[in-house]
Amino acid sequence: MLGISDSSVVVRRTVIGLAVVVVLLVVALSPSFGRAEPTGNYRPDLAPDALDTGCYPLPEGLILDFPYQVRTDGDVTVDGEQRRELRVQYDVVGADEVVESLTASFLDAGFTTVTATGDVLTFERSDAGAVTATVTPLEDVPEDSIVRGTVVFDLPSVPLASDDPICDDPYATKRFPESYEPAE
């Protein structure tokens, strides 16, 4: 018959044995708990280019043929008329190259040049009316900077042109609610 001290030794050994088994299981399985699956893709999905979604297209045939990012796109009232203000940042290239590229793109799309004064370009086409692009380089930009300046387009206002659900996402269309304040 086991005495009290013998049974406590058995209990202790059982508890220690179970603890060792639990520790070994935790150590063996720990890499699979609370860890992300390594996919090799560590960047979040980005919204598509606002001009590629088809939600609010540019005038027919107009293509921006320089590296850019759409910052904001929306309708504004100018002299009582509803107009579209599209702001893009241009990347890697200089203002002169953007002006040349824009001029070629507008002419290729059937626009005629109305005025080209420095960095303010105005074009016209019968179905779109007058369109202005104001190119503004950033000042004191380091050589290795990606963003080099902005282009603000004054275009005719266009209605939503697609029923794709992406058009409901302000980060995809760059049409943010009035309460949104973009970073400078």
Protein backbone atom coordinates (compact mmCIF):
# COMPACT_ATOMS: atom_id res chain seq x y z
CA MET A 1 0.00 0.00 0.00
CA LEU A 2 1.23 3.42 -0.86
CA GLY A 3 1.77 5.90 1.87
CA ILE A 4 0.92 9.57 1.74
CA SER A 5 4.45 10.47 0.78
CA ASP A 6 4.50 7.86 -2.01
CA SER A 7 1.25 9.14 -3.52
CA SER A 8 2.44 12.75 -3.44
CA VAL A 9 5.61 11.69 -5.28
CA VAL A 10 3.49 9.98 -7.94
CA VAL A 11 1.28 13.09 -8.26
CA ARG A 12 4.34 15.33 -8.46
CA ARG A 13 5.94 13.14 -11.13
CA THR A 14 2.68 13.06 -13.10
CA VAL A 15 2.30 16.85 -12.91
CA ILE A 16 5.94 17.36 -13.91
CA GLY A 17 5.57 14.86 -16.74
CA LEU A 18 2.45 16.61 -18.02
CA ALA A 19 4.14 20.01 -17.73
CA VAL A 20 7.12 18.76 -19.76
CA VAL A 21 4.77 17.37 -22.44
CA VAL A 22 2.85 20.68 -22.59
CA VAL A 23 6.08 22.70 -22.83
CA LEU A 24 7.36 20.44 -25.62
CA LEU A 25 4.08 20.76 -27.52
CA VAL A 26 4.08 24.55 -27.17
CA VAL A 27 7.70 24.78 -28.34
CA ALA A 28 7.07 22.42 -31.25
CA LEU A 29 3.86 24.14 -32.40
CA SER A 30 4.67 27.78 -31.53
CA PRO A 31 5.80 28.78 -35.03
CA SER A 32 2.29 28.15 -36.30
CA PHE A 33 0.48 30.19 -33.63
CA GLY A 34 -0.06 33.93 -34.08
CA ARG A 35 2.16 34.25 -37.11
CA ALA A 36 1.35 35.41 -40.59
CA GLU A 37 1.67 33.01 -43.43
CA PRO A 38 4.79 34.01 -45.38
CA THR A 39 3.46 35.02 -48.79
CA GLY A 40 6.35 37.13 -50.00
CA ASN A 41 3.90 40.03 -50.48
CA TYR A 42 4.36 42.47 -47.64
CA ARG A 43 2.70 45.50 -49.21
CA PRO A 44 -1.00 46.27 -48.85
CA ASP A 45 -3.22 46.24 -51.92
CA LEU A 46 -3.35 49.72 -53.39
CA ALA A 47 -6.36 51.35 -54.95
CA PRO A 48 -6.24 51.42 -58.76
CA ASP A 49 -5.26 54.55 -60.68
CA ALA A 50 -8.29 56.85 -60.53
CA LEU A 51 -8.06 57.50 -64.27
CA ASP A 52 -7.99 53.78 -65.12
CA THR A 53 -11.17 52.80 -63.25
CA GLY A 54 -13.56 54.20 -65.86
CA CYS A 55 -15.53 55.96 -63.12
CA TYR A 56 -14.75 59.55 -64.14
CA PRO A 57 -12.83 59.44 -67.44
CA LEU A 58 -10.79 62.16 -69.05
CA PRO A 59 -12.11 63.64 -72.31
CA GLU A 60 -12.11 60.97 -75.02
CA GLY A 61 -8.66 60.21 -76.39
CA LEU A 62 -6.76 62.16 -73.74
CA ILE A 63 -4.00 60.12 -72.11
CA LEU A 64 -1.50 61.36 -69.54
CA ASP A 65 1.80 60.09 -70.88
CA PHE A 66 4.13 60.87 -67.98
CA PRO A 67 4.56 59.30 -64.53
CA TYR A 68 1.88 60.67 -62.21
CA GLN A 69 -0.36 60.00 -59.22
CA VAL A 70 -3.89 61.35 -58.93
CA ARG A 71 -4.22 63.26 -55.66
CA THR A 72 -7.80 64.60 -55.87
CA ASP A 73 -10.60 64.71 -58.41
CA GLY A 74 -13.88 66.48 -57.95
CA ASP A 75 -16.37 69.04 -59.10
CA VAL A 76 -16.09 72.71 -58.19
CA THR A 77 -18.12 75.76 -59.07
CA VAL A 78 -16.25 78.34 -61.15
CA ASP A 79 -18.09 81.53 -62.07
CA GLY A 80 -21.42 79.76 -61.49
CA GLU A 81 -20.46 76.83 -63.75
CA GLN A 82 -19.81 73.28 -62.59
CA ARG A 83 -16.25 72.28 -63.54
CA ARG A 84 -13.98 69.33 -62.73
CA GLU A 85 -10.73 69.95 -60.87
CA LEU A 86 -8.24 67.11 -61.22
CA ARG A 87 -4.95 67.35 -59.31
CA VAL A 88 -2.05 65.05 -60.12
CA GLN A 89 1.53 64.92 -58.92
CA TYR A 90 4.10 64.24 -61.59
CA ASP A 91 7.03 62.02 -60.78
CA VAL A 92 10.69 61.74 -61.83
CA VAL A 93 10.43 64.11 -64.81
CA GLY A 94 10.72 67.89 -64.90
CA ALA A 95 8.08 70.53 -65.61
CA ASP A 96 9.32 71.13 -69.18
CA GLU A 97 8.89 67.44 -70.04
CA VAL A 98 5.38 67.44 -68.51
CA VAL A 99 4.41 70.53 -70.56
CA GLU A 100 5.70 68.87 -73.75
CA SER A 101 3.92 65.61 -72.95
CA LEU A 102 0.63 67.34 -72.13
CA THR A 103 0.76 69.42 -75.29
CA ALA A 104 1.33 66.30 -77.41
CA SER A 105 -1.41 64.37 -75.58
CA PHE A 106 -4.01 67.13 -76.01
CA LEU A 107 -3.14 67.59 -79.69
CA ASP A 108 -3.27 63.80 -80.26
CA ALA A 109 -6.74 63.79 -78.66
CA GLY A 110 -8.00 66.35 -81.19
CA PHE A 111 -7.71 69.48 -79.07
CA THR A 112 -6.29 72.71 -80.44
CA THR A 113 -3.94 74.96 -78.51
CA VAL A 114 -5.59 78.15 -77.34
CA THR A 115 -2.74 79.46 -75.21
CA ALA A 116 0.49 78.11 -73.83
CA THR A 117 1.92 80.68 -71.47
CA GLY A 118 4.76 79.22 -69.44
CA ASP A 119 3.31 76.43 -67.34
CA VAL A 120 -0.36 77.28 -68.03
CA LEU A 121 -1.75 75.45 -71.04
CA THR A 122 -5.24 75.96 -72.45
CA PHE A 123 -6.72 73.68 -75.10
CA GLU A 124 -10.10 73.48 -76.74
CA ARG A 125 -12.23 70.89 -78.50
CA SER A 126 -15.84 71.35 -79.56
CA ASP A 127 -17.25 68.55 -77.37
CA ALA A 128 -15.16 69.40 -74.31
CA GLY A 129 -14.85 73.17 -74.49
CA ALA A 130 -11.83 74.86 -72.95
CA VAL A 131 -9.51 72.79 -70.77
CA THR A 132 -6.64 74.21 -68.74
CA ALA A 133 -3.61 72.45 -67.29
CA THR A 134 -1.44 74.36 -64.83
CA VAL A 135 1.97 72.75 -64.26
CA THR A 136 3.72 73.77 -61.03
CA PRO A 137 7.14 72.37 -60.15
CA LEU A 138 7.99 71.85 -56.49
CA GLU A 139 10.73 74.15 -55.21
CA ASP A 140 14.06 72.94 -53.83
CA VAL A 141 13.44 69.30 -54.70
CA PRO A 142 16.43 67.01 -54.09
CA GLU A 143 17.82 65.16 -57.13
CA ASP A 144 16.60 61.79 -55.83
CA SER A 145 13.05 62.97 -55.13
CA ILE A 146 10.32 61.07 -56.93
CA VAL A 147 7.56 63.72 -56.82
CA ARG A 148 8.64 66.78 -58.80
CA GLY A 149 5.49 68.88 -59.05
CA THR A 150 1.75 69.11 -59.62
CA VAL A 151 -0.63 69.59 -62.51
CA VAL A 152 -4.08 71.04 -61.85
CA PHE A 153 -6.58 70.42 -64.64
CA ASP A 154 -9.72 72.51 -65.16
CA LEU A 155 -11.96 70.18 -67.17
CA PRO A 156 -15.63 69.89 -67.98
CA SER A 157 -17.55 68.12 -65.23
CA VAL A 158 -18.43 64.52 -66.10
CA PRO A 159 -21.05 62.23 -64.59
CA LEU A 160 -20.19 58.85 -63.10
CA ALA A 161 -19.54 56.63 -66.12
CA SER A 162 -19.48 53.15 -64.53
CA ASP A 163 -21.53 51.09 -62.10
CA ASP A 164 -18.44 49.19 -60.92
CA PRO A 165 -18.44 49.02 -57.08
CA ILE A 166 -14.89 50.44 -57.09
CA CYS A 167 -16.51 53.78 -58.02
CA ASP A 168 -17.94 53.95 -54.47
CA ASP A 169 -14.41 53.97 -53.00
CA PRO A 170 -13.06 57.52 -52.57
CA TYR A 171 -9.51 56.17 -52.48
CA ALA A 172 -10.02 54.68 -55.95
CA THR A 173 -11.76 57.72 -57.48
CA LYS A 174 -9.92 60.37 -55.42
CA ARG A 175 -13.29 62.04 -54.94
CA PHE A 176 -13.22 62.55 -51.20
CA PRO A 177 -16.08 63.85 -49.03
CA GLU A 178 -16.03 67.57 -48.28
CA SER A 179 -14.88 66.90 -44.71
CA TYR A 180 -11.68 65.23 -46.01
CA GLU A 181 -8.52 67.31 -45.70
CA PRO A 182 -5.65 65.97 -47.86
CA ALA A 183 -2.10 66.14 -46.49
CA GLU A 184 -0.02 68.90 -47.98
